């Protein structure tokens, strides 16, 4: 079986730090799984002698610098180079040592000087990447926050903040044929879903390399891999958006596709543009409350919201426009009130959503009580559904949390 010739990889996973809060062991498992898949002849086809894996104690700053130097000496202009980091990453926001850093296992955080002397700065990493002559280089960073299961880790350097900025990504990706694919934006954690064997980003990466990305030429190309990962991550976790930065002249290949086979994607990913579509009675008190209170709160949480009467495509018959946008949203929120029940368009919307939910066997409708009303006024098809009640000030915070959680849940 022919391999993916002339390709090199450096794979780094650090869960156990000497001086920094450790990360879940899943982080180490991520790197081992990536290295194993890259060297599998039935999948990515990298030569085992050209893939270097550094785990925990092996991943000191000096070892990382030596491995990057080796890539600069070994790779040629026509090579493909893949570099994967699963570890802590962060930045010093102000001061003489301001900048972004990846944390090797021996990094120290007791002072800014100690950090700058023991971590790998973005300037140093950028210089190391520029020294690699390959014009097909991809860096995969599963390290922004990297806290796992919602737990963000603390640092003792006062100005240190976990996560890298978009500007950091851009600098790392500077240069022709170089692309940075990062797990999350600077203001977001990279999530590990509870009891999952891998972090979300890396699981999507592995799924794509195992056959999720279709191929017409037996190769997995960078844009197809990004599209697959981005859609899968967004579908599973609304609070995490994958980042792509770089200067790419061609859609280069990053590995073989299932050992070089020409195959379709194993499963198309539905296009979900919004986390929620909100249906409400137009021109009512509900609309004023939505604009002033609910909508700003949801958007502050990073949720992508479409609004009735505002988001449908202009020039399309209204009922058709509603149906189109319903298919683009993960959940449909209806603001229940007496005004809502009197609005024929709103009534059509919730009836349509319930019909689609039955056919697709998915729970997509989220009823929200916007104002106190007699529940026996609701039609039976709405009365039978559990509701979010935002009318009682005493329970407002907990009910709002329930709503946000419901909107972030992936579809079954």
Protein backbone atom coordinates (compact mmCIF):
# COMPACT_ATOMS: atom_id res chain seq x y z
CA UNK A 1 0.00 0.00 0.00
CA UNK A 2 1.45 3.35 -1.06
CA UNK A 3 1.95 5.90 1.71
CA UNK A 4 1.62 9.66 1.91
CA UNK A 5 5.10 10.36 0.64
CA UNK A 6 7.29 13.30 1.63
CA UNK A 7 5.29 14.28 4.71
CA UNK A 8 6.43 15.00 8.27
CA UNK A 9 4.51 15.53 11.52
CA UNK A 10 5.23 16.73 15.04
CA UNK A 11 2.53 15.77 17.57
CA UNK A 12 2.59 17.19 21.11
CA UNK A 13 0.27 16.38 24.03
CA UNK A 14 0.83 17.71 27.55
CA UNK A 15 -1.53 16.84 30.37
CA UNK A 16 0.87 16.51 33.32
CA UNK A 17 2.81 19.72 34.00
CA UNK A 18 5.60 20.09 36.56
CA UNK A 19 4.62 23.57 37.74
CA UNK A 20 1.26 24.36 36.11
CA UNK A 21 -2.25 23.10 36.81
CA UNK A 22 -2.57 19.78 34.94
CA UNK A 23 -5.03 19.15 32.15
CA UNK A 24 -7.31 16.09 31.84
CA UNK A 25 -5.53 12.94 30.69
CA UNK A 26 -7.74 13.10 27.60
CA UNK A 27 -5.28 15.72 26.31
CA UNK A 28 -2.47 13.17 26.26
CA UNK A 29 -4.78 10.60 24.70
CA UNK A 30 -5.62 13.12 21.97
CA UNK A 31 -2.02 13.38 20.85
CA UNK A 32 -1.42 9.63 20.94
CA UNK A 33 -4.53 9.02 18.84
CA UNK A 34 -3.50 11.65 16.28
CA UNK A 35 0.00 10.18 15.93
CA UNK A 36 -1.36 6.65 15.63
CA UNK A 37 -3.85 7.65 12.94
CA UNK A 38 -1.27 9.61 10.95
CA UNK A 39 1.00 6.56 10.73
CA UNK A 40 -1.80 4.09 9.96
CA UNK A 41 -1.34 2.96 6.32
CA UNK A 42 -5.07 2.32 6.03
CA UNK A 43 -5.82 5.98 6.79
CA UNK A 44 -3.35 8.89 6.66
CA UNK A 45 -0.31 6.97 5.43
CA UNK A 46 2.55 8.98 7.04
CA UNK A 47 5.80 7.08 7.45
CA UNK A 48 6.25 6.19 11.14
CA UNK A 49 9.86 7.39 11.02
CA UNK A 50 8.63 10.86 9.98
CA UNK A 51 6.11 11.36 12.78
CA UNK A 52 7.52 12.50 16.12
CA UNK A 53 5.34 12.22 19.25
CA UNK A 54 6.18 14.17 22.42
CA UNK A 55 4.04 13.35 25.47
CA UNK A 56 4.15 14.97 28.93
CA UNK A 57 7.73 14.63 30.32
CA UNK A 58 9.11 14.41 26.79
CA UNK A 59 7.61 17.78 25.82
CA UNK A 60 10.02 20.19 27.50
CA UNK A 61 10.78 23.54 25.92
CA UNK A 62 14.20 22.35 24.78
CA UNK A 63 12.67 19.20 23.26
CA UNK A 64 10.04 21.24 21.38
CA UNK A 65 12.69 23.61 20.04
CA UNK A 66 14.86 20.65 18.95
CA UNK A 67 11.91 18.95 17.21
CA UNK A 68 11.03 22.14 15.32
CA UNK A 69 14.70 22.54 14.31
CA UNK A 70 14.66 18.96 13.00
CA UNK A 71 11.63 19.76 10.84
CA UNK A 72 13.44 22.78 9.41
CA UNK A 73 16.41 20.55 8.43
CA UNK A 74 14.46 17.54 7.18
CA UNK A 75 11.56 19.07 5.25
CA UNK A 76 11.91 20.42 1.74
CA UNK A 77 9.91 22.95 -0.24
CA UNK A 78 7.64 20.25 -1.66
CA UNK A 79 6.95 18.52 1.68
CA UNK A 80 3.75 18.51 3.68
CA UNK A 81 4.31 19.28 7.37
CA UNK A 82 1.64 18.80 10.07
CA UNK A 83 2.17 20.11 13.60
CA UNK A 84 -0.33 19.34 16.38
CA UNK A 85 -0.36 20.81 19.88
CA UNK A 86 -2.72 19.73 22.67
CA UNK A 87 -1.63 21.71 25.74
CA UNK A 88 -2.01 24.94 27.68
CA UNK A 89 -1.77 28.15 25.67
CA UNK A 90 -2.16 31.75 26.78
CA UNK A 91 -1.00 35.32 26.69
CA UNK A 92 0.42 38.14 28.77
CA UNK A 93 -1.77 41.07 27.89
CA UNK A 94 0.43 44.00 28.98
CA UNK A 95 4.00 44.84 29.88
CA UNK A 96 7.46 44.22 28.47
CA UNK A 97 6.77 40.49 28.08
CA UNK A 98 3.34 40.85 26.50
CA UNK A 99 2.55 38.23 23.91
CA UNK A 100 1.22 34.72 23.34
CA UNK A 101 2.82 31.55 24.68
CA UNK A 102 2.46 27.79 24.40
CA UNK A 103 3.29 26.08 27.67
CA UNK A 104 5.74 23.15 27.56
CA UNK A 105 5.55 20.71 30.44
CA UNK A 106 8.35 22.53 32.33
CA UNK A 107 6.85 26.03 31.98
CA UNK A 108 6.77 28.17 35.15
CA UNK A 109 4.17 30.81 36.00
CA UNK A 110 5.41 32.32 39.24
CA UNK A 111 6.48 35.49 37.40
CA UNK A 112 6.35 37.01 33.94
CA UNK A 113 10.10 36.57 33.63
CA UNK A 114 9.86 32.89 34.55
CA UNK A 115 7.08 32.40 32.02
CA UNK A 116 8.95 34.11 29.20
CA UNK A 117 12.08 32.06 29.95
CA UNK A 118 10.35 28.68 30.12
CA UNK A 119 7.39 28.90 27.70
CA UNK A 120 7.43 28.91 23.90
CA UNK A 121 6.52 32.41 22.75
CA UNK A 122 4.50 33.05 19.61
CA UNK A 123 7.50 34.94 18.22
CA UNK A 124 9.74 31.91 18.73
CA UNK A 125 7.15 29.54 17.28
CA UNK A 126 6.55 31.84 14.31
CA UNK A 127 10.29 31.99 13.63
CA UNK A 128 10.53 28.19 13.88
CA UNK A 129 7.63 27.76 11.44
CA UNK A 130 9.18 30.20 8.97
CA UNK A 131 12.40 28.20 9.10
CA UNK A 132 10.54 25.14 7.81
CA UNK A 133 10.87 25.39 4.01
CA UNK A 134 7.74 23.35 3.24
CA UNK A 135 5.07 25.29 1.35
CA UNK A 136 2.35 22.99 2.67
CA UNK A 137 2.31 23.40 6.43
CA UNK A 138 -0.67 23.07 8.78
CA UNK A 139 -0.59 23.75 12.53
CA UNK A 140 -3.44 22.32 14.61
CA UNK A 141 -3.87 23.99 18.00
CA UNK A 142 -6.13 22.29 20.51
CA UNK A 143 -4.91 24.50 23.31
CA UNK A 144 -7.00 27.66 23.66
CA UNK A 145 -8.12 27.52 27.28
CA UNK A 146 -8.10 23.69 26.96
CA UNK A 147 -9.72 23.49 30.38
CA UNK A 148 -11.87 20.44 29.81
CA UNK A 149 -15.43 19.89 30.99
CA UNK A 150 -15.95 23.57 31.57
CA UNK A 151 -13.11 24.02 34.06
CA UNK A 152 -10.77 26.88 33.16
CA UNK A 153 -7.36 26.73 34.80
CA UNK A 154 -5.83 29.54 36.89
CA UNK A 155 -2.36 31.00 36.55
CA UNK A 156 -0.28 32.85 39.16
CA UNK A 157 1.05 35.48 36.74
CA UNK A 158 -1.37 38.34 37.35
CA UNK A 159 -1.63 39.44 33.72
CA UNK A 160 -1.60 35.94 32.24
CA UNK A 161 -4.73 34.85 30.39
CA UNK A 162 -5.28 31.43 28.89
CA UNK A 163 -6.10 31.42 25.19
CA UNK A 164 -4.53 32.99 22.08
CA UNK A 165 -5.87 35.95 20.12
CA UNK A 166 -6.85 36.11 16.46
CA UNK A 167 -3.78 38.28 15.89
CA UNK A 168 -1.61 35.50 17.33
CA UNK A 169 -3.17 33.02 14.92
CA UNK A 170 -2.57 35.39 12.01
CA UNK A 171 1.12 35.80 12.90
CA UNK A 172 1.62 32.05 13.20
CA UNK A 173 -0.05 31.55 9.83
CA UNK A 174 1.95 34.24 8.05
CA UNK A 175 3.79 32.98 5.00
CA UNK A 176 2.75 31.30 1.80
CA UNK A 177 1.32 27.82 2.22
CA UNK A 178 0.95 28.04 5.99
CA UNK A 179 -2.37 27.55 7.77
CA UNK A 180 -3.36 27.62 11.44
CA UNK A 181 -6.40 25.58 12.46
CA UNK A 182 -7.29 26.35 16.08
CA UNK A 183 -9.86 24.68 18.30
CA UNK A 184 -11.54 27.89 19.50
CA UNK A 185 -11.57 31.66 19.33
CA UNK A 186 -9.56 33.70 21.82
CA UNK A 187 -12.53 34.27 24.12
CA UNK A 188 -13.70 30.66 24.17
CA UNK A 189 -12.68 27.43 25.90
CA UNK A 190 -11.81 24.33 23.93
CA UNK A 191 -14.28 21.83 25.31
CA UNK A 192 -14.00 18.22 26.38
CA UNK A 193 -17.49 16.79 26.61
CA UNK A 194 -18.18 14.76 29.72
CA UNK A 195 -17.01 11.12 29.51
CA UNK A 196 -15.74 11.64 25.94
CA UNK A 197 -12.50 9.84 24.99
CA UNK A 198 -11.11 12.95 23.28
CA UNK A 199 -11.51 16.70 23.28
CA UNK A 200 -14.25 17.94 20.96
CA UNK A 201 -11.88 19.49 18.40
CA UNK A 202 -9.57 16.48 18.27
CA UNK A 203 -12.48 14.03 18.09
CA UNK A 204 -13.76 15.90 15.03
CA UNK A 205 -10.25 15.91 13.56
CA UNK A 206 -9.94 12.16 14.07
CA UNK A 207 -13.41 11.54 12.62
CA UNK A 208 -12.51 13.57 9.54
CA UNK A 209 -9.20 11.75 8.99
CA UNK A 210 -10.88 8.37 9.49
CA UNK A 211 -13.24 8.90 6.58
CA UNK A 212 -15.62 11.68 7.50
CA UNK A 213 -14.02 13.90 4.87
CA UNK A 214 -14.89 12.69 1.41
CA UNK A 215 -12.27 12.51 -1.33
CA UNK A 216 -12.38 12.50 -5.11
CA UNK A 217 -8.63 11.92 -5.50
CA UNK A 218 -7.74 9.72 -2.52
CA UNK A 219 -6.42 12.69 -0.51
CA UNK A 220 -7.77 14.84 2.33
CA UNK A 221 -7.37 18.52 1.52
CA UNK A 222 -7.04 21.33 4.02
CA UNK A 223 -10.28 23.18 3.22
CA UNK A 224 -12.37 20.01 3.28
CA UNK A 225 -10.84 19.06 6.63
CA UNK A 226 -11.55 22.51 8.07
CA UNK A 227 -15.15 22.48 6.81
CA UNK A 228 -15.75 19.09 8.39
CA UNK A 229 -14.24 20.04 11.76
CA UNK A 230 -15.89 23.47 11.89
CA UNK A 231 -19.37 22.15 11.19
CA UNK A 232 -19.04 19.22 13.60
CA UNK A 233 -17.68 21.40 16.43
CA UNK A 234 -20.36 24.05 15.90
CA UNK A 235 -23.07 21.42 15.79
CA UNK A 236 -21.93 19.86 19.07
CA UNK A 237 -21.03 22.98 21.06
CA UNK A 238 -22.35 26.45 20.26
CA UNK A 239 -19.81 28.07 22.61
CA UNK A 240 -16.84 26.95 20.52
CA UNK A 241 -16.01 28.17 17.01
CA UNK A 242 -13.04 26.77 15.09
CA UNK A 243 -10.56 29.30 13.67
CA UNK A 244 -8.74 29.14 10.32
CA UNK A 245 -5.90 31.57 9.54
CA UNK A 246 -3.21 31.50 6.90
CA UNK A 247 -1.96 32.38 3.45
CA UNK A 248 -2.85 29.48 1.17
CA UNK A 249 -2.19 29.51 -2.56
CA UNK A 250 -3.67 26.06 -3.08
CA UNK A 251 -6.01 23.66 -1.30
CA UNK A 252 -3.15 21.32 -0.44
CA UNK A 253 -3.49 17.76 0.82
CA UNK A 254 -2.72 16.98 4.46
CA UNK A 255 -2.95 13.16 4.29
CA UNK A 256 -4.26 10.17 2.42
CA UNK A 257 -8.00 9.52 2.58
CA UNK A 258 -8.52 6.02 3.99
CA UNK A 259 -5.23 4.81 2.57
CA UNK A 260 -5.74 6.61 -0.75
CA UNK A 261 -9.32 5.63 -1.57
CA UNK A 262 -11.79 7.80 -3.42
CA UNK A 263 -14.79 7.92 -1.13
CA UNK A 264 -17.80 10.11 -0.37
CA UNK A 265 -18.19 11.72 3.03
CA UNK A 266 -19.58 9.18 5.49
CA UNK A 267 -22.32 11.52 6.69
CA UNK A 268 -23.39 14.93 5.44
CA UNK A 269 -23.55 17.57 8.17
CA UNK A 270 -26.78 19.58 8.17
CA UNK A 271 -26.23 23.30 7.69
CA UNK A 272 -27.24 24.94 10.98
CA UNK A 273 -26.86 28.70 10.74
CA UNK A 274 -28.57 29.66 14.00
CA UNK A 275 -28.76 28.29 17.52
CA UNK A 276 -32.32 29.56 17.81
CA UNK A 277 -35.11 31.17 15.79
CA UNK A 278 -37.41 33.23 18.01
CA UNK A 279 -41.10 33.44 17.11
CA UNK A 280 -43.15 36.20 18.78
CA UNK A 281 -46.19 38.44 18.30
CA UNK A 282 -45.17 41.39 16.21
CA UNK A 283 -45.89 44.88 17.56
CA UNK A 284 -46.66 43.59 21.05
CA UNK A 285 -45.18 44.14 24.49
CA UNK A 286 -43.44 40.81 23.92
CA UNK A 287 -41.43 42.30 21.08
CA UNK A 288 -40.29 45.23 23.23
CA UNK A 289 -39.22 42.87 26.04
CA UNK A 290 -37.44 40.63 23.53
CA UNK A 291 -35.40 43.48 22.10
CA UNK A 292 -34.60 45.12 25.43
CA UNK A 293 -34.01 42.13 27.69
CA UNK A 294 -33.92 38.63 26.23
CA UNK A 295 -32.06 39.16 22.95
CA UNK A 296 -29.04 41.05 24.41
CA UNK A 297 -28.67 38.36 27.08
CA UNK A 298 -28.69 35.50 24.57
CA UNK A 299 -26.23 37.22 22.24
CA UNK A 300 -23.93 37.98 25.16
CA UNK A 301 -23.74 34.23 25.67
CA UNK A 302 -22.47 33.81 22.10
CA UNK A 303 -25.70 32.32 20.76
CA UNK A 304 -26.61 32.95 17.13
CA UNK A 305 -30.19 34.18 17.02
CA UNK A 306 -32.63 34.67 14.15
CA UNK A 307 -35.80 36.70 14.70
CA UNK A 308 -39.26 36.32 13.25
CA UNK A 309 -40.16 39.23 10.92
CA UNK A 310 -36.45 40.18 10.72
CA UNK A 311 -34.45 37.21 9.45
CA UNK A 312 -36.57 35.76 6.66
CA UNK A 313 -35.26 36.31 3.15
CA UNK A 314 -36.80 39.44 1.55
CA UNK A 315 -39.03 38.87 -1.49
CA UNK A 316 -39.99 35.34 -0.46
CA UNK A 317 -43.56 34.44 0.44
CA UNK A 318 -43.67 34.82 4.22
CA UNK A 319 -44.76 31.28 5.03
CA UNK A 320 -42.04 29.87 2.76
CA UNK A 321 -39.46 32.15 4.37
CA UNK A 322 -40.45 30.93 7.83
CA UNK A 323 -40.12 27.30 6.78
CA UNK A 324 -36.71 27.95 5.22
CA UNK A 325 -35.30 29.59 8.33
CA UNK A 326 -36.75 26.95 10.64
CA UNK A 327 -34.57 24.41 8.84
CA UNK A 328 -31.51 26.64 9.47
CA UNK A 329 -32.00 26.81 13.26
CA UNK A 330 -31.21 24.20 15.90
CA UNK A 331 -34.05 25.25 18.21
CA UNK A 332 -37.25 27.30 17.79
CA UNK A 333 -38.18 29.54 20.72
CA UNK A 334 -41.78 30.72 20.96
CA UNK A 335 -42.65 33.59 23.32
CA UNK A 336 -45.99 32.53 24.73
CA UNK A 337 -48.52 35.20 25.68
CA UNK A 338 -52.12 36.12 24.93
CA UNK A 339 -50.86 38.27 22.05
CA UNK A 340 -48.92 35.32 20.65
CA UNK A 341 -52.02 33.13 20.58
CA UNK A 342 -53.84 35.82 18.61
CA UNK A 343 -51.12 36.08 15.96
CA UNK A 344 -51.92 33.75 12.99
CA UNK A 345 -48.33 33.76 11.68
CA UNK A 346 -46.98 32.82 15.09
CA UNK A 347 -49.54 30.03 15.36
CA UNK A 348 -48.49 28.72 11.95
CA UNK A 349 -44.84 28.76 13.04
CA UNK A 350 -45.22 26.65 16.17
CA UNK A 351 -47.58 24.21 14.43
CA UNK A 352 -45.07 23.77 11.60
CA UNK A 353 -42.19 23.20 14.02
CA UNK A 354 -44.12 20.55 15.92
CA UNK A 355 -44.96 18.77 12.66
CA UNK A 356 -41.32 18.82 11.55
CA UNK A 357 -40.19 17.60 14.98
CA UNK A 358 -42.53 14.62 14.77
CA UNK A 359 -41.30 13.69 11.29
CA UNK A 360 -37.63 14.10 12.21
CA UNK A 361 -38.06 12.67 15.72
CA UNK A 362 -36.28 15.68 17.20
CA UNK A 363 -37.29 18.01 20.02
CA UNK A 364 -36.78 21.49 18.59
CA UNK A 365 -39.54 23.64 20.09
CA UNK A 366 -38.76 25.59 23.28
CA UNK A 367 -41.85 27.36 24.70
CA UNK A 368 -41.06 30.40 26.86
CA UNK A 369 -43.59 32.24 29.01
CA UNK A 370 -42.83 35.89 28.37
CA UNK A 371 -45.76 37.27 30.37
CA UNK A 372 -48.16 35.73 32.91
CA UNK A 373 -51.13 34.11 31.22
CA UNK A 374 -53.74 31.42 31.96
CA UNK A 375 -52.21 28.15 30.81
CA UNK A 376 -55.60 26.68 30.01
CA UNK A 377 -55.75 29.19 27.15
CA UNK A 378 -52.97 27.28 25.38
CA UNK A 379 -53.95 24.75 22.73
CA UNK A 380 -53.34 21.18 23.85
CA UNK A 381 -50.37 20.72 21.52
CA UNK A 382 -48.56 23.52 23.42
CA UNK A 383 -50.00 22.86 26.87
CA UNK A 384 -48.50 19.36 26.91
CA UNK A 385 -44.93 20.73 26.45
CA UNK A 386 -42.69 21.70 29.37
CA UNK A 387 -41.97 25.42 29.41
CA UNK A 388 -39.35 27.97 30.44
CA UNK A 389 -41.06 30.46 32.78
CA UNK A 390 -39.43 33.91 32.75
CA UNK A 391 -42.33 35.65 34.47
CA UNK A 392 -41.32 35.04 38.12
CA UNK A 393 -38.44 37.33 39.25
CA UNK A 394 -37.48 34.88 42.01
CA UNK A 395 -36.77 32.12 39.49
CA UNK A 396 -35.59 34.29 36.60
CA UNK A 397 -31.87 33.44 36.82
CA UNK A 398 -32.36 29.69 37.06
CA UNK A 399 -34.96 29.68 34.27
CA UNK A 400 -32.69 31.77 32.05
CA UNK A 401 -29.92 29.23 32.66
CA UNK A 402 -32.31 26.44 31.65
CA UNK A 403 -33.11 28.30 28.44
CA UNK A 404 -29.46 28.87 27.52
CA UNK A 405 -28.63 25.23 28.26
CA UNK A 406 -31.50 24.06 26.05
CA UNK A 407 -30.35 26.25 23.15
CA UNK A 408 -26.80 24.93 23.39
CA UNK A 409 -27.73 21.26 23.42
CA UNK A 410 -26.95 19.42 20.16
CA UNK A 411 -29.83 17.84 18.31
CA UNK A 412 -30.24 14.10 18.99
